[in-house]
Protein backbone atom coordinates (compact mmCIF):
# COMPACT_ATOMS: atom_id res chain seq x y z
CA MET A 1 6.93 10.41 13.12
CA SER A 2 6.52 8.17 10.06
CA SER A 3 3.52 5.85 9.67
CA LEU A 4 5.76 2.78 10.03
CA LYS A 5 7.24 4.02 13.30
CA LEU A 6 3.81 4.93 14.62
CA PHE A 7 2.47 1.48 13.74
CA THR A 8 5.47 -0.20 15.37
CA LEU A 9 4.95 1.87 18.53
CA ILE A 10 1.27 0.94 18.70
CA ILE A 11 2.06 -2.76 18.30
CA LEU A 12 4.78 -2.49 20.98
CA ILE A 13 2.33 -0.82 23.39
CA ILE A 14 -0.33 -3.51 22.73
CA VAL A 15 2.14 -6.35 23.22
CA THR A 16 3.54 -4.80 26.38
CA ALA A 17 0.03 -4.32 27.78
CA LEU A 18 -0.88 -7.94 26.94
CA ILE A 19 2.26 -9.33 28.56
CA SER A 20 1.62 -7.16 31.62
CA TYR A 21 -1.96 -8.43 31.85
CA ILE A 22 -0.83 -12.04 31.58
CA VAL A 23 1.84 -11.56 34.25
CA VAL A 24 -0.53 -9.82 36.65
CA ASN A 25 -3.12 -12.57 36.18
CA GLN A 26 -0.85 -15.55 36.75
CA GLU A 27 -2.60 -18.07 38.98
CA PRO A 28 -0.45 -20.84 40.48
CA ASP A 29 -1.60 -24.43 40.80
CA ARG A 30 -3.42 -25.34 44.01
CA SER A 31 -2.59 -28.56 45.87
CA VAL A 32 -5.24 -31.18 46.56
CA ALA A 33 -4.45 -30.84 50.27
CA ASP A 34 -5.37 -27.12 50.24
CA LEU A 35 -8.47 -27.62 48.10
CA LYS A 36 -9.78 -30.46 50.29
CA LYS A 37 -10.31 -28.06 53.15
CA ARG A 38 -13.10 -26.28 51.32
CA TRP A 39 -14.30 -28.64 48.62
CA ALA A 40 -14.01 -32.15 50.11
CA MET A 41 -16.01 -31.86 53.28
CA PRO A 42 -18.07 -34.95 54.39
CA PRO A 43 -19.49 -36.99 52.80
CA SER A 44 -16.60 -36.70 50.33
CA LYS A 45 -14.14 -39.54 50.17
CA PHE A 46 -11.33 -40.66 47.89
CA ILE A 47 -11.19 -44.11 46.34
CA ASP A 48 -8.30 -45.73 44.48
CA VAL A 49 -9.43 -46.43 40.89
CA ARG A 50 -7.17 -47.03 37.92
CA GLY A 51 -4.21 -45.33 39.56
CA MET A 52 -6.23 -42.23 40.58
CA GLN A 53 -7.57 -41.02 43.93
CA VAL A 54 -11.11 -40.35 42.70
CA HIS A 55 -13.08 -37.73 44.65
CA LEU A 56 -16.54 -39.27 45.27
CA ARG A 57 -19.72 -38.79 47.27
CA ASP A 58 -22.10 -41.67 47.92
CA GLU A 59 -25.19 -40.61 49.89
CA GLY A 60 -28.97 -40.67 50.13
CA ASN A 61 -31.38 -43.54 50.63
CA PHE A 62 -29.36 -46.78 50.55
CA GLU A 63 -32.53 -48.83 50.57
CA SER A 64 -33.30 -47.80 46.99
CA MET A 65 -32.79 -50.72 44.70
CA VAL A 66 -30.75 -49.08 41.92
CA PRO A 67 -28.48 -46.10 42.62
CA ILE A 68 -28.31 -43.00 40.47
CA VAL A 69 -24.80 -42.15 39.27
CA LEU A 70 -24.29 -38.55 38.10
CA LEU A 71 -21.45 -37.23 35.95
CA HIS A 72 -20.55 -33.57 35.57
CA GLY A 73 -19.45 -31.64 32.50
CA THR A 74 -16.16 -30.13 31.31
CA SER A 75 -14.41 -27.96 33.92
CA ALA A 76 -17.15 -28.72 36.49
CA SER A 77 -17.11 -31.04 39.48
CA LEU A 78 -19.39 -33.29 41.53
CA HIS A 79 -20.66 -30.17 43.30
CA THR A 80 -22.72 -29.23 40.23
CA TRP A 81 -25.27 -31.84 41.42
CA ASP A 82 -25.68 -30.40 44.97
CA GLY A 83 -29.20 -29.15 44.24
CA TRP A 84 -30.34 -32.50 42.85
CA VAL A 85 -28.96 -34.34 45.84
CA GLU A 86 -30.99 -32.07 48.16
CA GLN A 87 -34.13 -32.84 46.15
CA LEU A 88 -33.62 -36.59 45.68
CA ALA A 89 -31.59 -37.96 48.59
CA SER A 90 -34.59 -38.90 50.73
CA GLU A 91 -35.71 -41.34 48.06
CA GLN A 92 -32.64 -42.28 46.06
CA ARG A 93 -29.06 -43.40 46.61
CA ILE A 94 -26.96 -40.92 44.64
CA ILE A 95 -23.32 -41.37 43.66
CA ARG A 96 -21.31 -38.62 42.02
CA PHE A 97 -17.60 -38.15 41.44
CA ASP A 98 -15.07 -35.83 39.80
CA LEU A 99 -14.20 -37.16 36.38
CA PRO A 100 -10.50 -37.54 35.39
CA ALA A 101 -9.00 -34.12 34.39
CA PHE A 102 -11.37 -32.23 36.68
CA GLY A 103 -12.16 -31.35 40.27
CA LEU A 104 -10.14 -33.01 42.98
CA THR A 105 -9.60 -36.23 41.00
CA GLY A 106 -7.29 -34.43 38.58
CA PRO A 107 -5.32 -35.81 35.63
CA ALA A 108 -5.45 -39.45 34.49
CA PRO A 109 -2.09 -41.20 34.91
CA ASN A 110 -2.23 -42.48 31.35
CA ASN A 111 -3.28 -39.07 29.95
CA ASP A 112 -6.13 -40.86 28.12
CA TYR A 113 -9.26 -38.72 27.78
CA THR A 114 -10.99 -40.58 25.01
CA ILE A 115 -14.66 -41.24 25.51
CA GLU A 116 -13.96 -44.99 25.66
CA ASN A 117 -11.50 -44.47 28.54
CA TYR A 118 -13.97 -42.31 30.42
CA ALA A 119 -16.52 -45.15 30.11
CA LYS A 120 -13.96 -47.60 31.46
CA THR A 121 -13.44 -45.37 34.48
CA VAL A 122 -17.20 -45.32 35.14
CA ILE A 123 -17.33 -49.11 35.06
CA ALA A 124 -14.22 -49.38 37.28
CA ILE A 125 -15.88 -47.20 39.88
CA LEU A 126 -19.11 -49.26 39.77
CA ASP A 127 -16.96 -52.38 40.22
CA LYS A 128 -15.12 -50.80 43.13
CA LEU A 129 -18.42 -49.98 44.83
CA GLY A 130 -19.90 -53.40 44.08
CA ILE A 131 -22.71 -52.00 41.87
CA GLU A 132 -23.94 -54.34 39.14
CA HIS A 133 -26.12 -51.80 37.36
CA CYS A 134 -27.26 -48.21 37.85
CA ILE A 135 -29.33 -45.32 36.56
CA LEU A 136 -26.63 -43.27 34.86
CA GLY A 137 -26.88 -39.58 34.24
CA GLY A 138 -24.70 -36.71 33.11
CA ASN A 139 -24.50 -33.19 31.88
CA SER A 140 -22.55 -32.01 28.81
CA LEU A 141 -19.35 -34.11 28.68
CA GLY A 142 -20.79 -36.18 31.55
CA GLY A 143 -23.86 -36.82 29.46
CA TYR A 144 -21.66 -38.01 26.58
CA VAL A 145 -19.80 -40.32 28.96
CA ALA A 146 -23.14 -41.60 30.30
CA TRP A 147 -24.70 -42.54 26.98
CA ALA A 148 -21.39 -43.87 25.61
CA THR A 149 -21.17 -46.11 28.70
CA ALA A 150 -24.71 -47.34 27.98
CA VAL A 151 -23.64 -48.20 24.44
CA LEU A 152 -20.35 -49.90 25.38
CA TYR A 153 -21.57 -51.61 28.59
CA PRO A 154 -25.33 -51.97 28.15
CA GLU A 155 -25.64 -54.61 30.91
CA ARG A 156 -24.53 -52.08 33.51
CA VAL A 157 -27.04 -49.25 32.80
CA SER A 158 -30.79 -49.66 33.40
CA GLN A 159 -31.89 -46.04 32.61
CA LEU A 160 -30.30 -42.86 31.30
CA ILE A 161 -30.61 -39.24 32.39
CA LEU A 162 -29.12 -36.90 29.79
CA VAL A 163 -28.87 -33.22 30.68
CA ASP A 164 -27.79 -31.13 27.65
CA PRO A 165 -25.32 -33.90 26.69
CA SER A 166 -22.60 -33.64 24.08
CA GLY A 167 -21.59 -36.30 21.62
CA TYR A 168 -23.06 -35.08 18.35
CA PRO A 169 -21.24 -32.77 15.88
CA LEU A 170 -22.52 -29.27 16.64
CA LYS A 171 -22.24 -25.60 15.93
CA SER A 172 -22.26 -23.62 19.16
CA GLN A 173 -23.99 -20.24 19.17
CA SER A 174 -21.71 -19.10 21.97
CA THR A 175 -18.67 -20.79 23.58
CA PRO A 176 -17.20 -19.84 26.99
CA ILE A 177 -13.94 -17.99 26.50
CA ALA A 178 -12.03 -20.41 28.71
CA PHE A 179 -13.09 -23.25 26.36
CA LYS A 180 -11.95 -21.21 23.35
CA LEU A 181 -8.52 -20.72 24.90
CA ALA A 182 -8.25 -24.41 25.81
CA LYS A 183 -9.05 -25.43 22.21
CA THR A 184 -6.70 -22.94 20.49
CA PRO A 185 -3.12 -24.09 19.78
CA ILE A 186 -0.39 -21.85 21.28
CA LEU A 187 -2.98 -19.72 23.07
CA ASN A 188 -4.01 -22.71 25.14
CA THR A 189 -0.59 -22.81 26.79
CA LEU A 190 -1.63 -19.56 28.53
CA LEU A 191 -3.91 -21.67 30.72
CA ASP A 192 -0.87 -23.28 32.39
CA GLY A 193 -0.54 -20.18 34.56
CA PHE A 194 -2.93 -17.55 33.26
CA MET A 195 -6.40 -17.65 34.71
CA PRO A 196 -8.02 -14.41 35.82
CA ARG A 197 -11.10 -14.93 37.97
CA ALA A 198 -13.02 -12.69 35.57
CA LEU A 199 -12.41 -15.22 32.78
CA ILE A 200 -13.99 -17.98 34.84
CA GLN A 201 -16.92 -15.78 35.85
CA SER A 202 -17.60 -14.87 32.19
CA SER A 203 -17.44 -18.59 31.18
CA VAL A 204 -19.85 -19.67 33.89
CA GLU A 205 -22.28 -16.85 33.07
CA ASN A 206 -22.12 -17.95 29.44
CA VAL A 207 -23.68 -21.36 30.24
CA TYR A 208 -26.48 -19.97 32.42
CA GLY A 209 -29.80 -18.90 31.01
CA ASP A 210 -29.89 -16.13 33.58
CA PRO A 211 -26.31 -14.92 34.31
CA ASN A 212 -27.63 -13.01 37.37
CA LEU A 213 -27.93 -16.39 39.13
CA VAL A 214 -24.12 -16.87 39.11
CA THR A 215 -22.93 -16.18 42.63
CA ASP A 216 -19.46 -15.36 43.96
CA GLU A 217 -19.31 -18.72 45.73
CA LEU A 218 -20.17 -20.52 42.46
CA VAL A 219 -17.41 -18.67 40.62
CA ASP A 220 -15.00 -19.48 43.50
CA ARG A 221 -15.73 -23.16 43.11
CA TYR A 222 -15.09 -23.28 39.37
CA PHE A 223 -12.07 -20.98 39.72
CA GLU A 224 -10.32 -22.86 42.54
CA LEU A 225 -11.01 -26.39 41.32
CA ASN A 226 -9.78 -25.60 37.84
CA THR A 227 -6.45 -24.58 39.32
CA ARG A 228 -6.06 -27.98 40.92
CA GLN A 229 -2.56 -29.16 40.10
CA GLY A 230 -2.47 -30.64 36.59
CA ASN A 231 -6.09 -29.79 35.61
CA ARG A 232 -5.29 -27.02 33.14
CA GLN A 233 -2.90 -29.24 31.18
CA ALA A 234 -5.41 -32.12 31.33
CA LEU A 235 -8.15 -29.86 29.96
CA ARG A 236 -6.15 -29.26 26.78
CA ALA A 237 -5.65 -33.03 26.33
CA ARG A 238 -9.38 -33.64 26.95
CA PHE A 239 -10.36 -31.20 24.16
CA GLU A 240 -7.84 -32.83 21.82
CA GLN A 241 -8.98 -36.40 22.53
CA THR A 242 -12.70 -36.38 23.30
CA SER A 243 -14.16 -35.48 19.94
CA ALA A 244 -17.88 -34.82 19.54
CA GLY A 245 -19.39 -37.08 16.95
CA ALA A 246 -17.01 -40.01 17.38
CA MET A 247 -19.85 -42.25 18.61
CA SER A 248 -22.93 -40.31 17.46
CA LYS A 249 -24.03 -43.04 15.02
CA ARG A 250 -24.14 -45.52 17.91
CA ALA A 251 -26.73 -43.59 19.95
CA LYS A 252 -29.38 -45.50 17.99
CA GLU A 253 -28.27 -48.65 19.82
CA ILE A 254 -29.70 -47.34 23.08
CA SER A 255 -33.11 -48.75 23.91
CA ILE A 256 -33.32 -48.32 27.69
CA PRO A 257 -35.69 -45.67 29.18
CA THR A 258 -33.99 -42.30 28.74
CA LEU A 259 -34.87 -38.88 30.09
CA ILE A 260 -33.49 -35.96 28.06
CA ILE A 261 -33.49 -32.60 29.84
CA TRP A 262 -32.54 -29.47 27.92
CA GLY A 263 -32.33 -25.72 28.53
CA LYS A 264 -33.78 -23.80 25.58
CA LYS A 265 -31.25 -21.00 26.22
CA ASP A 266 -28.31 -23.39 25.85
CA ALA A 267 -25.98 -21.56 23.42
CA LEU A 268 -23.13 -24.06 23.81
CA ILE A 269 -25.10 -27.11 22.65
CA PRO A 270 -28.25 -25.65 21.04
CA PRO A 271 -31.64 -27.37 21.57
CA VAL A 272 -31.64 -28.69 18.00
CA THR A 273 -29.27 -31.36 19.34
CA ALA A 274 -31.98 -32.42 21.78
CA GLN A 275 -34.16 -33.33 18.81
CA LEU A 276 -31.39 -35.57 17.46
CA PHE A 277 -31.11 -37.45 20.71
CA GLN A 278 -34.85 -37.87 20.96
CA ARG A 279 -34.96 -39.11 17.35
CA ASP A 280 -32.16 -41.62 17.78
CA ILE A 281 -32.94 -42.99 21.26
CA THR A 282 -36.14 -44.96 20.76
CA ASN A 283 -37.40 -45.11 24.35
CA SER A 284 -36.70 -41.47 25.25
CA THR A 285 -38.62 -38.56 26.81
CA LEU A 286 -37.62 -34.94 26.16
CA VAL A 287 -38.29 -32.16 28.66
CA LEU A 288 -37.39 -28.58 27.61
CA PHE A 289 -37.01 -25.63 29.98
CA ASP A 290 -37.57 -22.26 28.30
CA SER A 291 -35.54 -20.06 30.66
CA LEU A 292 -32.56 -22.31 31.40
CA GLY A 293 -29.16 -22.68 29.79
CA HIS A 294 -26.51 -25.39 29.41
CA VAL A 295 -26.54 -26.48 33.09
CA PRO A 296 -30.28 -26.56 33.92
CA HIS A 297 -29.78 -28.97 36.86
CA GLU A 298 -27.46 -26.40 38.50
CA GLU A 299 -29.38 -23.30 37.50
CA ASP A 300 -32.80 -24.60 38.69
CA PRO A 301 -32.39 -27.87 40.59
CA LEU A 302 -35.96 -27.82 41.89
CA ARG A 303 -37.83 -27.72 38.59
CA THR A 304 -35.43 -30.07 36.81
CA ALA A 305 -35.52 -32.57 39.71
CA ILE A 306 -39.31 -32.57 39.51
CA ALA A 307 -39.01 -33.69 35.90
CA LEU A 308 -36.62 -36.43 36.95
CA LYS A 309 -38.89 -37.62 39.76
CA ALA A 310 -41.81 -37.83 37.35
CA PHE A 311 -39.76 -39.87 34.94
CA LEU A 312 -38.57 -42.28 37.63
CA ALA A 313 -42.08 -42.66 39.04
CA ASN A 314 -43.46 -43.46 35.61
CA GLU A 315 -40.78 -46.06 34.92
CA LYS A 316 -41.47 -47.60 38.34
CA LYS A 317 -45.15 -47.91 37.44
CA ILE A 318 -44.35 -49.52 34.12
CA ASN A 319 -42.00 -52.03 35.77
CA THR A 320 -44.59 -52.82 38.46
CA ARG A 321 -47.18 -53.69 35.79
CA LYS A 322 -44.70 -56.05 34.21
């Protein structure tokens, strides 16, 4: 057999194996009705905001003066804050919801995933709930949405909680493979039907400081909610439209008390970015966790919530003196 024929045969075998793998790992969209049974148990509810049925939970101590609103990151959901709710609900009112393109909320009707439009959605939800101002927090993309909202609507945000937020140009040391696919033209169309569970598990483990903490139930949650009808297509649009760095120069406009929490093992948004946020946000406090990764609030809710409680208690003292 000639070298050319051998090379052609090898390529044919590789292509055939790849096609077979893709076919075997096709994962159909799941309906909201089916997903609700597992992932929208009480106190979940759905509210009509900007043409979307937004999946939201509003719980905790309703006597607290200013509620905490928490925003999740890319491909996550409101469930990422479960641990913080357990730690904080006795003292704080906590509101969390699935951002457009993710969780049970799903795609935005206008297909607009710019950071400005995400901020508009946050304000629309506050208006719907009759909340004049809040303590706004977020992780990763949710952190970007949180601080951008504070820049664009400063009268609505009294304090910020930024957990490994995005928003600055960065060079990741390691990117989850699902994110790489979603960002890559042509290849990202595979996500329309191709989503092996192992891909999701690898991506979740990538953002943990200790991958051994990633449980089967955790992978199930990310896996199932990312197959919500329309979410895979919306993820591509989100990566195309929500560019890091678009508002980074405006972070210096933030002067409200801000807690910055960061995992030192964050390979997606390395800790050097934490120093930029601390530099640019005048009234900010940075707390680093040596053993945690990109989602420290989910990986170790107890220790990270202790840092948040200390920050809130200190700000309460300062306000009392005033």
